Amino acid sequence: MLPEILEKTSLVIGVGFCLLAGIGIVRMPDVYTRNQASAKAGTLGVAFVIAAVAFRFQDPITTLESLLIILFLFLTAPIASHLITRAAYNLGVPQADAAIVDDMRPDHTARTHTTDDQSDRADSP
């Protein structure tokens, strides 16, 4: 009885997170925020679905495999997400218009939210 409740609860939570990841991919304005939405919510969603599989079969081998898959997923998904975002930034993919701060830019001035070359251009006619 308890494993069935855990299975169904885990499956519903996992599908919910996967749905949020899909909505995040569609609704977010640029590649950086889309990547964050898909990586975080998608990873949690898949982990809960795999946990539901472990609860469903209740086999020691299946449970071990599920735990290893979840561990591998949590170790690799953030790294892959970071590398994809970093590659997009290095290729010059623009941020959304609402983005104010670019922490990756080396000459960024946090106090004024401008860069050194922007402040130079503002002073010139």
PDB file of N, CA and C in Angstrom:
ATOM      1  N   MET A   1       0.810  -1.196   0.000  1.00  0.00           N
ATOM      2  CA  MET A   1       0.000   0.000   0.000  1.00  0.00           C
ATOM      3  C   MET A   1       0.858   1.267   0.000  1.00  0.00           C
ATOM      4  N   LEU A   2       1.835   1.339   0.913  1.00  0.00           N
ATOM      5  CA  LEU A   2       2.709   2.512   0.982  1.00  0.00           C
ATOM      6  C   LEU A   2       3.561   2.665  -0.282  1.00  0.00           C
ATOM      7  N   PRO A   3       4.141   1.585  -0.821  1.00  0.00           N
ATOM      8  CA  PRO A   3       4.910   1.755  -2.066  1.00  0.00           C
ATOM      9  C   PRO A   3       4.059   2.279  -3.233  1.00  0.00           C
ATOM     10  N   GLU A   4       2.792   1.890  -3.288  1.00  0.00           N
ATOM     11  CA  GLU A   4       1.924   2.393  -4.357  1.00  0.00           C
ATOM     12  C   GLU A   4       1.676   3.891  -4.199  1.00  0.00           C
ATOM     13  N   ILE A   5       1.481   4.326  -2.968  1.00  0.00           N
ATOM     14  CA  ILE A   5       1.277   5.757  -2.716  1.00  0.00           C
ATOM     15  C   ILE A   5       2.542   6.533  -3.057  1.00  0.00           C
ATOM     16  N   LEU A   6       3.703   6.015  -2.655  1.00  0.00           N
ATOM     17  CA  LEU A   6       4.976   6.680  -2.979  1.00  0.00           C
ATOM     18  C   LEU A   6       5.209   6.708  -4.481  1.00  0.00           C
ATOM     19  N   GLU A   7       4.859   5.611  -5.143  1.00  0.00           N
ATOM     20  CA  GLU A   7       5.030   5.543  -6.598  1.00  0.00           C
ATOM     21  C   GLU A   7       4.186   6.600  -7.298  1.00  0.00           C
ATOM     22  N   LYS A   8       2.917   6.667  -6.951  1.00  0.00           N
ATOM     23  CA  LYS A   8       2.025   7.612  -7.621  1.00  0.00           C
ATOM     24  C   LYS A   8       2.366   9.050  -7.277  1.00  0.00           C
ATOM     25  N   THR A   9       2.711   9.297  -6.029  1.00  0.00           N
ATOM     26  CA  THR A   9       3.097  10.650  -5.625  1.00  0.00           C
ATOM     27  C   THR A   9       4.366  11.092  -6.341  1.00  0.00           C
ATOM     28  N   SER A  10       5.341  10.202  -6.386  1.00  0.00           N
ATOM     29  CA  SER A  10       6.599  10.522  -7.057  1.00  0.00           C
ATOM     30  C   SER A  10       6.378  10.746  -8.551  1.00  0.00           C
ATOM     31  N   LEU A  11       5.517   9.954  -9.146  1.00  0.00           N
ATOM     32  CA  LEU A  11       5.239  10.101 -10.577  1.00  0.00           C
ATOM     33  C   LEU A  11       4.539  11.433 -10.868  1.00  0.00           C
ATOM     34  N   VAL A  12       3.576  11.796 -10.045  1.00  0.00           N
ATOM     35  CA  VAL A  12       2.869  13.063 -10.255  1.00  0.00           C
ATOM     36  C   VAL A  12       3.823  14.247 -10.068  1.00  0.00           C
ATOM     37  N   ILE A  13       4.660  14.197  -9.038  1.00  0.00           N
ATOM     38  CA  ILE A  13       5.630  15.272  -8.813  1.00  0.00           C
ATOM     39  C   ILE A  13       6.613  15.355  -9.979  1.00  0.00           C
ATOM     40  N   GLY A  14       7.089  14.203 -10.451  1.00  0.00           N
ATOM     41  CA  GLY A  14       8.024  14.180 -11.577  1.00  0.00           C
ATOM     42  C   GLY A  14       7.428  14.728 -12.850  1.00  0.00           C
ATOM     43  N   VAL A  15       6.190  14.346 -13.138  1.00  0.00           N
ATOM     44  CA  VAL A  15       5.524  14.861 -14.334  1.00  0.00           C
ATOM     45  C   VAL A  15       5.284  16.360 -14.194  1.00  0.00           C
ATOM     46  N   GLY A  16       4.970  16.807 -12.978  1.00  0.00           N
ATOM     47  CA  GLY A  16       4.780  18.240 -12.746  1.00  0.00           C
ATOM     48  C   GLY A  16       6.045  19.033 -13.013  1.00  0.00           C
ATOM     49  N   PHE A  17       7.175  18.538 -12.527  1.00  0.00           N
ATOM     50  CA  PHE A  17       8.438  19.225 -12.779  1.00  0.00           C
ATOM     51  C   PHE A  17       8.799  19.205 -14.263  1.00  0.00           C
ATOM     52  N   CYS A  18       8.549  18.099 -14.936  1.00  0.00           N
ATOM     53  CA  CYS A  18       8.815  18.043 -16.380  1.00  0.00           C
ATOM     54  C   CYS A  18       7.916  19.016 -17.137  1.00  0.00           C
ATOM     55  N   LEU A  19       6.675  19.150 -16.694  1.00  0.00           N
ATOM     56  CA  LEU A  19       5.772  20.120 -17.304  1.00  0.00           C
ATOM     57  C   LEU A  19       6.272  21.545 -17.080  1.00  0.00           C
ATOM     58  N   LEU A  20       6.740  21.832 -15.873  1.00  0.00           N
ATOM     59  CA  LEU A  20       7.306  23.152 -15.594  1.00  0.00           C
ATOM     60  C   LEU A  20       8.535  23.427 -16.464  1.00  0.00           C
ATOM     61  N   ALA A  21       9.350  22.404 -16.675  1.00  0.00           N
ATOM     62  CA  ALA A  21      10.522  22.574 -17.538  1.00  0.00           C
ATOM     63  C   ALA A  21      10.092  22.902 -18.967  1.00  0.00           C
ATOM     64  N   GLY A  22       9.083  22.202 -19.456  1.00  0.00           N
ATOM     65  CA  GLY A  22       8.583  22.484 -20.797  1.00  0.00           C
ATOM     66  C   GLY A  22       8.000  23.880 -20.918  1.00  0.00           C
ATOM     67  N   ILE A  23       7.238  24.290 -19.920  1.00  0.00           N
ATOM     68  CA  ILE A  23       6.681  25.642 -19.922  1.00  0.00           C
ATOM     69  C   ILE A  23       7.804  26.676 -19.859  1.00  0.00           C
ATOM     70  N   GLY A  24       8.834  26.389 -19.049  1.00  0.00           N
ATOM     71  CA  GLY A  24       9.969  27.306 -18.946  1.00  0.00           C
ATOM     72  C   GLY A  24      10.701  27.470 -20.267  1.00  0.00           C
ATOM     73  N   ILE A  25      10.824  26.395 -21.019  1.00  0.00           N
ATOM     74  CA  ILE A  25      11.501  26.475 -22.318  1.00  0.00           C
ATOM     75  C   ILE A  25      10.701  27.343 -23.280  1.00  0.00           C
ATOM     76  N   VAL A  26       9.393  27.234 -23.234  1.00  0.00           N
ATOM     77  CA  VAL A  26       8.547  27.997 -24.146  1.00  0.00           C
ATOM     78  C   VAL A  26       8.446  29.462 -23.718  1.00  0.00           C
ATOM     79  N   ARG A  27       8.351  29.732 -22.427  1.00  0.00           N
ATOM     80  CA  ARG A  27       8.036  31.070 -21.946  1.00  0.00           C
ATOM     81  C   ARG A  27       9.240  31.978 -21.685  1.00  0.00           C
ATOM     82  N   MET A  28      10.401  31.418 -21.453  1.00  0.00           N
ATOM     83  CA  MET A  28      11.551  32.251 -21.104  1.00  0.00           C
ATOM     84  C   MET A  28      12.072  32.996 -22.332  1.00  0.00           C
ATOM     85  N   PRO A  29      12.662  34.192 -22.114  1.00  0.00           N
ATOM     86  CA  PRO A  29      12.986  35.065 -23.246  1.00  0.00           C
ATOM     87  C   PRO A  29      14.290  34.753 -23.976  1.00  0.00           C
ATOM     88  N   ASP A  30      15.254  34.135 -23.324  1.00  0.00           N
ATOM     89  CA  ASP A  30      16.533  33.906 -24.008  1.00  0.00           C
ATOM     90  C   ASP A  30      17.081  32.526 -23.664  1.00  0.00           C
ATOM     91  N   VAL A  31      18.181  32.193 -24.327  1.00  0.00           N
ATOM     92  CA  VAL A  31      18.745  30.850 -24.179  1.00  0.00           C
ATOM     93  C   VAL A  31      19.251  30.593 -22.765  1.00  0.00           C
ATOM     94  N   TYR A  32      19.674  31.616 -22.077  1.00  0.00           N
ATOM     95  CA  TYR A  32      20.241  31.444 -20.738  1.00  0.00           C
ATOM     96  C   TYR A  32      19.165  31.055 -19.721  1.00  0.00           C
ATOM     97  N   THR A  33      18.056  31.746 -19.741  1.00  0.00           N
ATOM     98  CA  THR A  33      16.985  31.415 -18.807  1.00  0.00           C
ATOM     99  C   THR A  33      16.258  30.139 -19.224  1.00  0.00           C
ATOM    100  N   ARG A  34      16.168  29.873 -20.508  1.00  0.00           N
ATOM    101  CA  ARG A  34      15.576  28.609 -20.965  1.00  0.00           C
ATOM    102  C   ARG A  34      16.411  27.428 -20.495  1.00  0.00           C
ATOM    103  N   ASN A  35      17.712  27.584 -20.592  1.00  0.00           N
ATOM    104  CA  ASN A  35      18.595  26.507 -20.166  1.00  0.00           C
ATOM    105  C   ASN A  35      18.470  26.264 -18.666  1.00  0.00           C
ATOM    106  N   GLN A  36      18.362  27.327 -17.897  1.00  0.00           N
ATOM    107  CA  GLN A  36      18.217  27.164 -16.451  1.00  0.00           C
ATOM    108  C   GLN A  36      16.910  26.447 -16.123  1.00  0.00           C
ATOM    109  N   ALA A  37      15.825  26.862 -16.758  1.00  0.00           N
ATOM    110  CA  ALA A  37      14.527  26.243 -16.488  1.00  0.00           C
ATOM    111  C   ALA A  37      14.528  24.764 -16.855  1.00  0.00           C
ATOM    112  N   SER A  38      15.086  24.449 -18.006  1.00  0.00           N
ATOM    113  CA  SER A  38      15.072  23.054 -18.438  1.00  0.00           C
ATOM    114  C   SER A  38      16.013  22.194 -17.600  1.00  0.00           C
ATOM    115  N   ALA A  39      17.146  22.730 -17.208  1.00  0.00           N
ATOM    116  CA  ALA A  39      18.111  21.927 -16.459  1.00  0.00           C
ATOM    117  C   ALA A  39      17.627  21.635 -15.040  1.00  0.00           C
ATOM    118  N   LYS A  40      17.156  22.641 -14.346  1.00  0.00           N
ATOM    119  CA  LYS A  40      16.750  22.446 -12.955  1.00  0.00           C
ATOM    120  C   LYS A  40      15.463  21.647 -12.844  1.00  0.00           C
ATOM    121  N   ALA A  41      14.408  22.108 -13.493  1.00  0.00           N
ATOM    122  CA  ALA A  41      13.123  21.424 -13.375  1.00  0.00           C
ATOM    123  C   ALA A  41      13.144  20.074 -14.087  1.00  0.00           C
ATOM    124  N   GLY A  42      13.805  20.003 -15.214  1.00  0.00           N
ATOM    125  CA  GLY A  42      13.885  18.740 -15.942  1.00  0.00           C
ATOM    126  C   GLY A  42      14.631  17.669 -15.175  1.00  0.00           C
ATOM    127  N   THR A  43      15.720  18.045 -14.534  1.00  0.00           N
ATOM    128  CA  THR A  43      16.491  17.089 -13.739  1.00  0.00           C
ATOM    129  C   THR A  43      15.669  16.557 -12.576  1.00  0.00           C
ATOM    130  N   LEU A  44      15.007  17.446 -11.866  1.00  0.00           N
ATOM    131  CA  LEU A  44      14.160  16.997 -10.763  1.00  0.00           C
ATOM    132  C   LEU A  44      13.009  16.129 -11.261  1.00  0.00           C
ATOM    133  N   GLY A  45      12.414  16.501 -12.372  1.00  0.00           N
ATOM    134  CA  GLY A  45      11.311  15.728 -12.922  1.00  0.00           C
ATOM    135  C   GLY A  45      11.714  14.315 -13.288  1.00  0.00           C
ATOM    136  N   VAL A  46      12.815  14.187 -13.992  1.00  0.00           N
ATOM    137  CA  VAL A  46      13.281  12.857 -14.383  1.00  0.00           C
ATOM    138  C   VAL A  46      13.688  12.041 -13.159  1.00  0.00           C
ATOM    139  N   ALA A  47      14.286  12.678 -12.177  1.00  0.00           N
ATOM    140  CA  ALA A  47      14.673  11.966 -10.954  1.00  0.00           C
ATOM    141  C   ALA A  47      13.447  11.408 -10.229  1.00  0.00           C
ATOM    142  N   PHE A  48      12.383  12.188 -10.138  1.00  0.00           N
ATOM    143  CA  PHE A  48      11.167  11.693  -9.489  1.00  0.00           C
ATOM    144  C   PHE A  48      10.506  10.584 -10.290  1.00  0.00           C
ATOM    145  N   VAL A  49      10.542  10.668 -11.604  1.00  0.00           N
ATOM    146  CA  VAL A  49       9.962   9.603 -12.427  1.00  0.00           C
ATOM    147  C   VAL A  49      10.764   8.316 -12.258  1.00  0.00           C
ATOM    148  N   ILE A  50      12.077   8.419 -12.213  1.00  0.00           N
ATOM    149  CA  ILE A  50      12.910   7.230 -12.011  1.00  0.00           C
ATOM    150  C   ILE A  50      12.698   6.657 -10.612  1.00  0.00           C
ATOM    151  N   ALA A  51      12.504   7.526  -9.631  1.00  0.00           N
ATOM    152  CA  ALA A  51      12.182   7.041  -8.278  1.00  0.00           C
ATOM    153  C   ALA A  51      10.853   6.297  -8.277  1.00  0.00           C
ATOM    154  N   ALA A  52       9.888   6.777  -9.075  1.00  0.00           N
ATOM    155  CA  ALA A  52       8.607   6.078  -9.185  1.00  0.00           C
ATOM    156  C   ALA A  52       8.789   4.683  -9.772  1.00  0.00           C
ATOM    157  N   VAL A  53       9.705   4.544 -10.703  1.00  0.00           N
ATOM    158  CA  VAL A  53      10.006   3.220 -11.267  1.00  0.00           C
ATOM    159  C   VAL A  53      10.564   2.298 -10.186  1.00  0.00           C
ATOM    160  N   ALA A  54      11.451   2.838  -9.352  1.00  0.00           N
ATOM    161  CA  ALA A  54      12.020   2.031  -8.266  1.00  0.00           C
ATOM    162  C   ALA A  54      10.936   1.597  -7.277  1.00  0.00           C
ATOM    163  N   PHE A  55      10.011   2.508  -6.969  1.00  0.00           N
ATOM    164  CA  PHE A  55       8.913   2.150  -6.065  1.00  0.00           C
ATOM    165  C   PHE A  55       7.975   1.139  -6.699  1.00  0.00           C
ATOM    166  N   ARG A  56       7.810   1.207  -8.008  1.00  0.00           N
ATOM    167  CA  ARG A  56       6.889   0.305  -8.702  1.00  0.00           C
ATOM    168  C   ARG A  56       7.388  -1.128  -8.697  1.00  0.00           C
ATOM    169  N   PHE A  57       8.667  -1.334  -9.006  1.00  0.00           N
ATOM    170  CA  PHE A  57       9.165  -2.695  -9.159  1.00  0.00           C
ATOM    171  C   PHE A  57       9.676  -3.303  -7.855  1.00  0.00           C
ATOM    172  N   GLN A  58      10.145  -2.506  -6.943  1.00  0.00           N
ATOM    173  CA  GLN A  58      10.611  -2.954  -5.624  1.00  0.00           C
ATOM    174  C   GLN A  58      11.601  -4.118  -5.700  1.00  0.00           C
ATOM    175  N   ASP A  59      12.414  -4.091  -6.697  1.00  0.00           N
ATOM    176  CA  ASP A  59      13.454  -5.097  -6.877  1.00  0.00           C
ATOM    177  C   ASP A  59      14.774  -4.459  -6.472  1.00  0.00           C
ATOM    178  N   PRO A  60      15.625  -5.169  -5.720  1.00  0.00           N
ATOM    179  CA  PRO A  60      16.897  -4.547  -5.294  1.00  0.00           C
ATOM    180  C   PRO A  60      17.765  -4.084  -6.455  1.00  0.00           C
ATOM    181  N   ILE A  61      17.808  -4.847  -7.514  1.00  0.00           N
ATOM    182  CA  ILE A  61      18.633  -4.461  -8.673  1.00  0.00           C
ATOM    183  C   ILE A  61      18.046  -3.222  -9.344  1.00  0.00           C
ATOM    184  N   THR A  62      16.737  -3.202  -9.522  1.00  0.00           N
ATOM    185  CA  THR A  62      16.083  -2.042 -10.135  1.00  0.00           C
ATOM    186  C   THR A  62      16.245  -0.804  -9.268  1.00  0.00           C
ATOM    187  N   THR A  63      16.133  -0.971  -7.968  1.00  0.00           N
ATOM    188  CA  THR A  63      16.313   0.159  -7.048  1.00  0.00           C
ATOM    189  C   THR A  63      17.743   0.681  -7.114  1.00  0.00           C
ATOM    190  N   LEU A  64      18.723  -0.212  -7.145  1.00  0.00           N
ATOM    191  CA  LEU A  64      20.124   0.206  -7.249  1.00  0.00           C
ATOM    192  C   LEU A  64      20.379   0.928  -8.572  1.00  0.00           C
ATOM    193  N   GLU A  65      19.853   0.376  -9.646  1.00  0.00           N
ATOM    194  CA  GLU A  65      20.022   1.028 -10.944  1.00  0.00           C
ATOM    195  C   GLU A  65      19.354   2.402 -10.969  1.00  0.00           C
ATOM    196  N   SER A  66      18.192   2.505 -10.368  1.00  0.00           N
ATOM    197  CA  SER A  66      17.498   3.799 -10.312  1.00  0.00           C
ATOM    198  C   SER A  66      18.303   4.813  -9.517  1.00  0.00           C
ATOM    199  N   LEU A  67      18.842   4.406  -8.392  1.00  0.00           N
ATOM    200  CA  LEU A  67      19.660   5.315  -7.589  1.00  0.00           C
ATOM    201  C   LEU A  67      20.916   5.749  -8.333  1.00  0.00           C
ATOM    202  N   LEU A  68      21.526   4.822  -9.059  1.00  0.00           N
ATOM    203  CA  LEU A  68      22.718   5.174  -9.836  1.00  0.00           C
ATOM    204  C   LEU A  68      22.380   6.135 -10.976  1.00  0.00           C
ATOM    205  N   ILE A  69      21.237   5.921 -11.612  1.00  0.00           N
ATOM    206  CA  ILE A  69      20.814   6.831 -12.680  1.00  0.00           C
ATOM    207  C   ILE A  69      20.570   8.229 -12.118  1.00  0.00           C
ATOM    208  N   ILE A  70      19.877   8.305 -10.975  1.00  0.00           N
ATOM    209  CA  ILE A  70      19.603   9.607 -10.362  1.00  0.00           C
ATOM    210  C   ILE A  70      20.906  10.287  -9.956  1.00  0.00           C
ATOM    211  N   LEU A  71      21.835   9.541  -9.380  1.00  0.00           N
ATOM    212  CA  LEU A  71      23.134  10.104  -9.000  1.00  0.00           C
ATOM    213  C   LEU A  71      23.877  10.624 -10.230  1.00  0.00           C
ATOM    214  N   PHE A  72      23.912   9.822 -11.283  1.00  0.00           N
ATOM    215  CA  PHE A  72      24.580  10.237 -12.515  1.00  0.00           C
ATOM    216  C   PHE A  72      23.927  11.484 -13.095  1.00  0.00           C
ATOM    217  N   LEU A  73      22.604  11.522 -13.047  1.00  0.00           N
ATOM    218  CA  LEU A  73      21.866  12.674 -13.566  1.00  0.00           C
ATOM    219  C   LEU A  73      22.198  13.939 -12.783  1.00  0.00           C
ATOM    220  N   PHE A  74      22.218  13.842 -11.453  1.00  0.00           N
ATOM    221  CA  PHE A  74      22.522  15.018 -10.636  1.00  0.00           C
ATOM    222  C   PHE A  74      23.983  15.450 -10.745  1.00  0.00           C
ATOM    223  N   LEU A  75      24.861  14.540 -11.125  1.00  0.00           N
ATOM    224  CA  LEU A  75      26.263  14.910 -11.314  1.00  0.00           C
ATOM    225  C   LEU A  75      26.525  15.529 -12.684  1.00  0.00           C
ATOM    226  N   THR A  76      25.810  15.076 -13.692  1.00  0.00           N
ATOM    227  CA  THR A  76      26.130  15.526 -15.054  1.00  0.00           C
ATOM    228  C   THR A  76      25.259  16.663 -15.575  1.00  0.00           C
ATOM    229  N   ALA A  77      24.010  16.738 -15.168  1.00  0.00           N
ATOM    230  CA  ALA A  77      23.103  17.758 -15.711  1.00  0.00           C
ATOM    231  C   ALA A  77      23.561  19.186 -15.414  1.00  0.00           C
ATOM    232  N   PRO A  78      23.978  19.522 -14.193  1.00  0.00           N
ATOM    233  CA  PRO A  78      24.435  20.896 -13.962  1.00  0.00           C
ATOM    234  C   PRO A  78      25.686  21.251 -14.761  1.00  0.00           C
ATOM    235  N   ILE A  79      26.578  20.287 -14.924  1.00  0.00           N
ATOM    236  CA  ILE A  79      27.808  20.540 -15.678  1.00  0.00           C
ATOM    237  C   ILE A  79      27.479  20.757 -17.154  1.00  0.00           C
ATOM    238  N   ALA A  80      26.609  19.918 -17.698  1.00  0.00           N
ATOM    239  CA  ALA A  80      26.212  20.073 -19.097  1.00  0.00           C
ATOM    240  C   ALA A  80      25.489  21.395 -19.315  1.00  0.00           C
ATOM    241  N   SER A  81      24.619  21.747 -18.399  1.00  0.00           N
ATOM    242  CA  SER A  81      23.901  23.013 -18.506  1.00  0.00           C
ATOM    243  C   SER A  81      24.866  24.195 -18.470  1.00  0.00           C
ATOM    244  N   HIS A  82      25.822  24.142 -17.574  1.00  0.00           N
ATOM    245  CA  HIS A  82      26.812  25.216 -17.477  1.00  0.00           C
ATOM    246  C   HIS A  82      27.626  25.325 -18.771  1.00  0.00           C
ATOM    247  N   LEU A  83      28.052  24.197 -19.312  1.00  0.00           N
ATOM    248  CA  LEU A  83      28.856  24.225 -20.530  1.00  0.00           C
ATOM    249  C   LEU A  83      28.065  24.739 -21.730  1.00  0.00           C
ATOM    250  N   ILE A  84      26.795  24.376 -21.820  1.00  0.00           N
ATOM    251  CA  ILE A  84      25.963  24.875 -22.916  1.00  0.00           C
ATOM    252  C   ILE A  84      25.781  26.379 -22.797  1.00  0.00           C
ATOM    253  N   THR A  85      25.509  26.852 -21.584  1.00  0.00           N
ATOM    254  CA  THR A  85      25.327  28.290 -21.372  1.00  0.00           C
ATOM    255  C   THR A  85      26.618  29.045 -21.634  1.00  0.00           C
ATOM    256  N   ARG A  86      27.719  28.497 -21.201  1.00  0.00           N
ATOM    257  CA  ARG A  86      29.020  29.146 -21.419  1.00  0.00           C
ATOM    258  C   ARG A  86      29.352  29.216 -22.909  1.00  0.00           C
ATOM    259  N   ALA A  87      29.056  28.141 -23.627  1.00  0.00           N
ATOM    260  CA  ALA A  87      29.296  28.139 -25.072  1.00  0.00           C
ATOM    261  C   ALA A  87      28.412  29.174 -25.774  1.00  0.00           C
ATOM    262  N   ALA A  88      27.160  29.282 -25.351  1.00  0.00           N
ATOM    263  CA  ALA A  88      26.271  30.290 -25.945  1.00  0.00           C
ATOM    264  C   ALA A  88      26.798  31.690 -25.682  1.00  0.00           C
ATOM    265  N   TYR A  89      27.294  31.928 -24.471  1.00  0.00           N
ATOM    266  CA  TYR A  89      27.833  33.246 -24.141  1.00  0.00           C
ATOM    267  C   TYR A  89      29.081  33.551 -24.980  1.00  0.00           C
ATOM    268  N   ASN A  90      29.972  32.566 -25.089  1.00  0.00           N
ATOM    269  CA  ASN A  90      31.202  32.770 -25.862  1.00  0.00           C
ATOM    270  C   ASN A  90      30.931  32.946 -27.352  1.00  0.00           C
ATOM    271  N   LEU A  91      29.831  32.391 -27.844  1.00  0.00           N
ATOM    272  CA  LEU A  91      29.461  32.576 -29.244  1.00  0.00           C
ATOM    273  C   LEU A  91      28.762  33.907 -29.483  1.00  0.00           C
ATOM    274  N   GLY A  92      28.441  34.614 -28.402  1.00  0.00           N
ATOM    275  CA  GLY A  92      27.835  35.933 -28.538  1.00  0.00           C
ATOM    276  C   GLY A  92      26.326  35.924 -28.641  1.00  0.00           C
ATOM    277  N   VAL A  93      25.686  34.869 -28.160  1.00  0.00           N
ATOM    278  CA  VAL A  93      24.219  34.838 -28.168  1.00  0.00           C
ATOM    279  C   VAL A  93      23.727  35.942 -27.240  1.00  0.00           C
ATOM    280  N   PRO A  94      22.864  36.833 -27.731  1.00  0.00           N
ATOM    281  CA  PRO A  94      22.456  37.981 -26.914  1.00  0.00           C
ATOM    282  C   PRO A  94      21.553  37.586 -25.754  1.00  0.00           C
ATOM    283  N   GLN A  95      21.646  38.376 -24.677  1.00  0.00           N
ATOM    284  CA  GLN A  95      20.750  38.194 -23.541  1.00  0.00           C
ATOM    285  C   GLN A  95      19.423  38.881 -23.837  1.00  0.00           C
ATOM    286  N   ALA A  96      18.441  38.593 -23.017  1.00  0.00           N
ATOM    287  CA  ALA A  96      17.141  39.248 -23.159  1.00  0.00           C
ATOM    288  C   ALA A  96      17.290  40.734 -22.874  1.00  0.00           C
ATOM    289  N   ASP A  97      16.381  41.525 -23.402  1.00  0.00           N
ATOM    290  CA  ASP A  97      16.431  42.971 -23.184  1.00  0.00           C
ATOM    291  C   ASP A  97      16.268  43.334 -21.713  1.00  0.00           C
ATOM    292  N   ALA A  98      15.584  42.497 -20.949  1.00  0.00           N
ATOM    293  CA  ALA A  98      15.352  42.778 -19.529  1.00  0.00           C
ATOM    294  C   ALA A  98      16.592  42.507 -18.673  1.00  0.00           C
ATOM    295  N   ALA A  99      17.592  41.832 -19.217  1.00  0.00           N
ATOM    296  CA  ALA A  99      18.805  41.541 -18.454  1.00  0.00           C
ATOM    297  C   ALA A  99      19.578  42.827 -18.212  1.00  0.00           C
ATOM    298  N   ILE A 100      19.883  43.103 -16.962  1.00  0.00           N
ATOM    299  CA  ILE A 100      20.557  44.347 -16.600  1.00  0.00           C
ATOM    300  C   ILE A 100      22.051  44.125 -16.409  1.00  0.00           C
ATOM    301  N   VAL A 101      22.412  43.037 -15.778  1.00  0.00           N
ATOM    302  CA  VAL A 101      23.797  42.807 -15.384  1.00  0.00           C
ATOM    303  C   VAL A 101      24.386  41.666 -16.199  1.00  0.00           C
ATOM    304  N   ASP A 102      25.617  41.849 -16.626  1.00  0.00           N
ATOM    305  CA  ASP A 102      26.370  40.808 -17.309  1.00  0.00           C
ATOM    306  C   ASP A 102      27.609  40.531 -16.478  1.00  0.00           C
ATOM    307  N   ASP A 103      27.524  39.582 -15.563  1.00  0.00           N
ATOM    308  CA  ASP A 103      28.630  39.308 -14.658  1.00  0.00           C
ATOM    309  C   ASP A 103      29.821  38.660 -15.346  1.00  0.00           C
ATOM    310  N   MET A 104      29.637  38.141 -16.523  1.00  0.00           N
ATOM    311  CA  MET A 104      30.739  37.495 -17.221  1.00  0.00           C
ATOM    312  C   MET A 104      31.667  38.497 -17.894  1.00  0.00           C
ATOM    313  N   ARG A 105      31.169  39.671 -18.142  1.00  0.00           N
ATOM    314  CA  ARG A 105      31.967  40.671 -18.828  1.00  0.00           C
ATOM    315  C   ARG A 105      33.029  41.225 -17.887  1.00  0.00           C
ATOM    316  N   PRO A 106      34.299  41.196 -18.276  1.00  0.00           N
ATOM    317  CA  PRO A 106      35.369  41.584 -17.343  1.00  0.00           C
ATOM    318  C   PRO A 106      35.377  43.055 -16.963  1.00  0.00           C
ATOM    319  N   ASP A 107      34.898  43.944 -17.826  1.00  0.00           N
ATOM    320  CA  ASP A 107      34.953  45.367 -17.509  1.00  0.00           C
ATOM    321  C   ASP A 107      33.606  45.880 -17.010  1.00  0.00           C
ATOM    322  N   HIS A 108      32.840  45.008 -16.408  1.00  0.00           N
ATOM    323  CA  HIS A 108      31.520  45.378 -15.899  1.00  0.00           C
ATOM    324  C   HIS A 108      31.648  46.204 -14.621  1.00  0.00           C
ATOM    325  N   THR A 109      30.923  47.305 -14.563  1.00  0.00           N
ATOM    326  CA  THR A 109      30.891  48.140 -13.368  1.00  0.00           C
ATOM    327  C   THR A 109      29.554  47.910 -12.679  1.00  0.00           C
ATOM    328  N   ALA A 110      29.561  47.225 -11.536  1.00  0.00           N
ATOM    329  CA  ALA A 110      28.321  46.841 -10.870  1.00  0.00           C
ATOM    330  C   ALA A 110      27.574  48.046 -10.316  1.00  0.00           C
ATOM    331  N   ARG A 111      28.277  49.097  -9.946  1.00  0.00           N
ATOM    332  CA  ARG A 111      27.623  50.239  -9.317  1.00  0.00           C
ATOM    333  C   ARG A 111      26.718  50.977 -10.295  1.00  0.00           C
ATOM    334  N   THR A 112      27.166  51.155 -11.520  1.00  0.00           N
ATOM    335  CA  THR A 112      26.389  51.923 -12.491  1.00  0.00           C
ATOM    336  C   THR A 112      25.665  51.043 -13.506  1.00  0.00           C
ATOM    337  N   HIS A 113      25.926  49.768 -13.484  1.00  0.00           N
ATOM    338  CA  HIS A 113      25.366  48.832 -14.447  1.00  0.00           C
ATOM    339  C   HIS A 113      25.716  49.216 -15.876  1.00  0.00           C
ATOM    340  N   THR A 114      26.907  49.742 -16.052  1.00  0.00           N
ATOM    341  CA  THR A 114      27.410  50.044 -17.387  1.00  0.00           C
ATOM    342  C   THR A 114      28.784  49.414 -17.519  1.00  0.00           C
ATOM    343  N   THR A 115      29.243  49.349 -18.729  1.00  0.00           N
ATOM    344  CA  THR A 115      30.603  48.874 -18.952  1.00  0.00           C
ATOM    345  C   THR A 115      31.489  50.076 -19.223  1.00  0.00           C
ATOM    346  N   ASP A 116      32.791  49.867 -19.126  1.00  0.00           N
ATOM    347  CA  ASP A 116      33.719  50.965 -19.336  1.00  0.00           C
ATOM    348  C   ASP A 116      33.582  51.593 -20.702  1.00  0.00           C
ATOM    349  N   ASP A 117      33.396  50.755 -21.731  1.00  0.00           N
ATOM    350  CA  ASP A 117      33.286  51.338 -23.070  1.00  0.00           C
ATOM    351  C   ASP A 117      31.931  52.014 -23.283  1.00  0.00           C
ATOM    352  N   GLN A 118      30.880  51.626 -22.561  1.00  0.00           N
ATOM    353  CA  GLN A 118      29.598  52.322 -22.656  1.00  0.00           C
ATOM    354  C   GLN A 118      29.683  53.698 -22.010  1.00  0.00           C
ATOM    355  N   SER A 119      30.381  53.794 -20.878  1.00  0.00           N
ATOM    356  CA  SER A 119      30.498  55.091 -20.213  1.00  0.00           C
ATOM    357  C   SER A 119      31.379  56.042 -21.047  1.00  0.00           C
ATOM    358  N   ASP A 120      32.365  55.505 -21.774  1.00  0.00           N
ATOM    359  CA  ASP A 120      33.182  56.332 -22.646  1.00  0.00           C
ATOM    360  C   ASP A 120      32.356  56.877 -23.809  1.00  0.00           C
ATOM    361  N   ARG A 121      31.476  56.040 -24.358  1.00  0.00           N
ATOM    362  CA  ARG A 121      30.645  56.472 -25.467  1.00  0.00           C
ATOM    363  C   ARG A 121      29.608  57.503 -25.018  1.00  0.00           C
ATOM    364  N   ALA A 122      29.162  57.407 -23.778  1.00  0.00           N
ATOM    365  CA  ALA A 122      28.161  58.370 -23.294  1.00  0.00           C
ATOM    366  C   ALA A 122      28.731  59.778 -23.164  1.00  0.00           C
ATOM    367  N   ASP A 123      30.043  59.871 -22.885  1.00  0.00           N
ATOM    368  CA  ASP A 123      30.665  61.183 -22.741  1.00  0.00           C
ATOM    369  C   ASP A 123      30.980  61.822 -24.087  1.00  0.00           C
ATOM    370  N   SER A 124      31.173  61.025 -25.109  1.00  0.00           N
ATOM    371  CA  SER A 124      31.531  61.574 -26.404  1.00  0.00           C
ATOM    372  C   SER A 124      30.275  62.039 -27.151  1.00  0.00           C
ATOM    373  N   PRO A 125      30.423  63.057 -28.033  1.00  0.00           N
ATOM    374  CA  PRO A 125      29.251  63.599 -28.757  1.00  0.00           C
ATOM    375  C   PRO A 125      28.719  62.682 -29.798  1.00  0.00           C
TER     376      PRO A 125
END
